[in-house]
Amino acid sequence: MRFILHRLLRQKDLCPTPPECPYVLMEDPLAGPSALPCRECPALLLSDYLASPGGQLISLTIDLDFALRKGIAVKLEEISYLEFRLLAMLSEERDKYEVEEIEKQRKR
């Protein structure tokens, strides 16, 4: 699940868009704006996973995280241990992502 959270936070970097994807261009060098994603497109695979039961649990956890950040009170006994662990992982991954973004800005 941590891997999925990692990818989810960085989804804007997963695929350069089909017409710019090196895998798509290897198969069709003249691929234009209507090009379809490659079979192994990380953005497409993430989207497919998020439609699965595991992905739905992650979506529920992200919604719960949003509610907590907005000050909605939730008692610990109202969430499952798995949801609690996913909230912890989401927080850790978000912290890592923010550090990465700060480092990117420093390098520019």
Protein backbone atom coordinates (compact mmCIF):
# COMPACT_ATOMS: atom_id res chain seq x y z
CA MET A 1 0.00 0.00 0.00
CA ARG A 2 2.90 2.36 0.71
CA PHE A 3 3.99 2.00 -2.92
CA ILE A 4 0.53 3.01 -4.11
CA LEU A 5 0.48 6.03 -1.78
CA HIS A 6 3.93 6.98 -3.07
CA ARG A 7 2.70 6.79 -6.67
CA LEU A 8 -0.56 8.55 -5.87
CA LEU A 9 1.21 11.60 -4.46
CA ARG A 10 3.47 11.74 -7.51
CA GLN A 11 0.91 10.88 -10.16
CA LYS A 12 1.61 14.07 -12.13
CA ASP A 13 5.09 12.65 -12.79
CA LEU A 14 4.01 9.13 -13.76
CA CYS A 15 3.32 9.61 -17.46
CA PRO A 16 4.47 12.40 -19.76
CA THR A 17 1.21 11.92 -21.80
CA PRO A 18 0.85 9.26 -24.52
CA PRO A 19 2.16 11.38 -27.44
CA GLU A 20 5.38 12.02 -25.46
CA CYS A 21 5.76 8.57 -23.90
CA PRO A 22 8.94 6.84 -25.11
CA TYR A 23 7.18 3.45 -25.14
CA VAL A 24 4.33 4.75 -27.27
CA LEU A 25 6.80 6.47 -29.61
CA MET A 26 8.82 3.25 -30.00
CA GLU A 27 5.71 1.50 -31.30
CA ASP A 28 4.45 4.47 -33.30
CA PRO A 29 7.02 7.24 -33.93
CA LEU A 30 4.28 9.43 -35.44
CA ALA A 31 1.92 9.13 -32.45
CA GLY A 32 -0.16 12.25 -32.19
CA PRO A 33 -2.56 13.77 -29.68
CA SER A 34 -4.99 10.86 -30.03
CA ALA A 35 -2.35 8.27 -29.03
CA LEU A 36 -3.41 5.74 -26.42
CA PRO A 37 -1.30 5.04 -23.32
CA CYS A 38 1.16 2.16 -23.49
CA ARG A 39 0.18 -1.17 -21.93
CA GLU A 40 2.50 -0.60 -18.98
CA CYS A 41 1.55 3.05 -18.38
CA PRO A 42 2.12 3.72 -14.66
CA ALA A 43 -0.68 6.30 -14.59
CA LEU A 44 -3.10 3.81 -16.15
CA LEU A 45 -2.02 1.03 -13.80
CA LEU A 46 -2.53 3.36 -10.81
CA SER A 47 -5.98 4.29 -12.06
CA ASP A 48 -6.88 0.61 -12.47
CA TYR A 49 -5.65 -0.17 -8.96
CA LEU A 50 -7.63 2.69 -7.46
CA ALA A 51 -10.81 1.09 -8.88
CA SER A 52 -10.04 -2.15 -7.01
CA PRO A 53 -11.13 -2.91 -3.41
CA GLY A 54 -7.63 -2.03 -2.15
CA GLY A 55 -7.74 1.22 -4.07
CA GLN A 56 -11.15 2.03 -2.67
CA LEU A 57 -9.72 1.59 0.83
CA ILE A 58 -6.98 4.07 -0.05
CA SER A 59 -9.60 6.51 -1.38
CA LEU A 60 -11.58 6.14 1.84
CA THR A 61 -8.41 6.81 3.83
CA ILE A 62 -7.65 9.93 1.78
CA ASP A 63 -11.20 11.16 2.44
CA LEU A 64 -10.73 10.45 6.15
CA ASP A 65 -7.41 12.32 6.10
CA PHE A 66 -9.12 15.30 4.45
CA ALA A 67 -11.83 15.31 7.12
CA LEU A 68 -9.24 15.17 9.91
CA ARG A 69 -7.23 18.01 8.35
CA LYS A 70 -10.41 20.11 8.22
CA GLY A 71 -10.96 19.58 11.95
CA ILE A 72 -13.69 16.97 11.86
CA ALA A 73 -13.33 14.89 15.02
CA VAL A 74 -13.03 11.14 14.61
CA LYS A 75 -12.45 8.87 17.56
CA LEU A 76 -9.80 6.19 17.22
CA GLU A 77 -12.36 3.47 17.94
CA GLU A 78 -14.38 4.67 14.93
CA ILE A 79 -11.73 3.62 12.42
CA SER A 80 -10.15 0.26 11.76
CA TYR A 81 -6.52 -0.48 12.51
CA LEU A 82 -5.88 -0.78 8.78
CA GLU A 83 -7.32 2.70 8.19
CA PHE A 84 -5.17 4.00 11.04
CA ARG A 85 -2.02 2.46 9.52
CA LEU A 86 -2.90 3.84 6.08
CA LEU A 87 -3.33 7.30 7.60
CA ALA A 88 0.13 6.98 9.16
CA MET A 89 1.65 5.83 5.84
CA LEU A 90 -0.11 8.64 3.98
CA SER A 91 1.32 11.17 6.43
CA GLU A 92 4.84 9.75 6.05
CA GLU A 93 4.62 9.69 2.26
CA ARG A 94 3.22 13.22 2.16
CA ASP A 95 6.13 14.42 4.33
CA LYS A 96 8.63 12.72 1.98
CA TYR A 97 6.92 14.23 -1.05
CA GLU A 98 7.02 17.73 0.45
CA VAL A 99 10.76 17.36 1.16
CA GLU A 100 11.32 16.20 -2.45
CA GLU A 101 9.42 19.20 -3.79
CA ILE A 102 11.44 21.60 -1.62
CA GLU A 103 14.66 20.00 -2.89
CA LYS A 104 13.47 20.37 -6.50
CA GLN A 105 12.81 24.08 -5.91
CA ARG A 106 16.26 24.57 -4.39
CA LYS A 107 17.93 23.00 -7.43
CA ARG A 108 16.19 25.40 -9.83
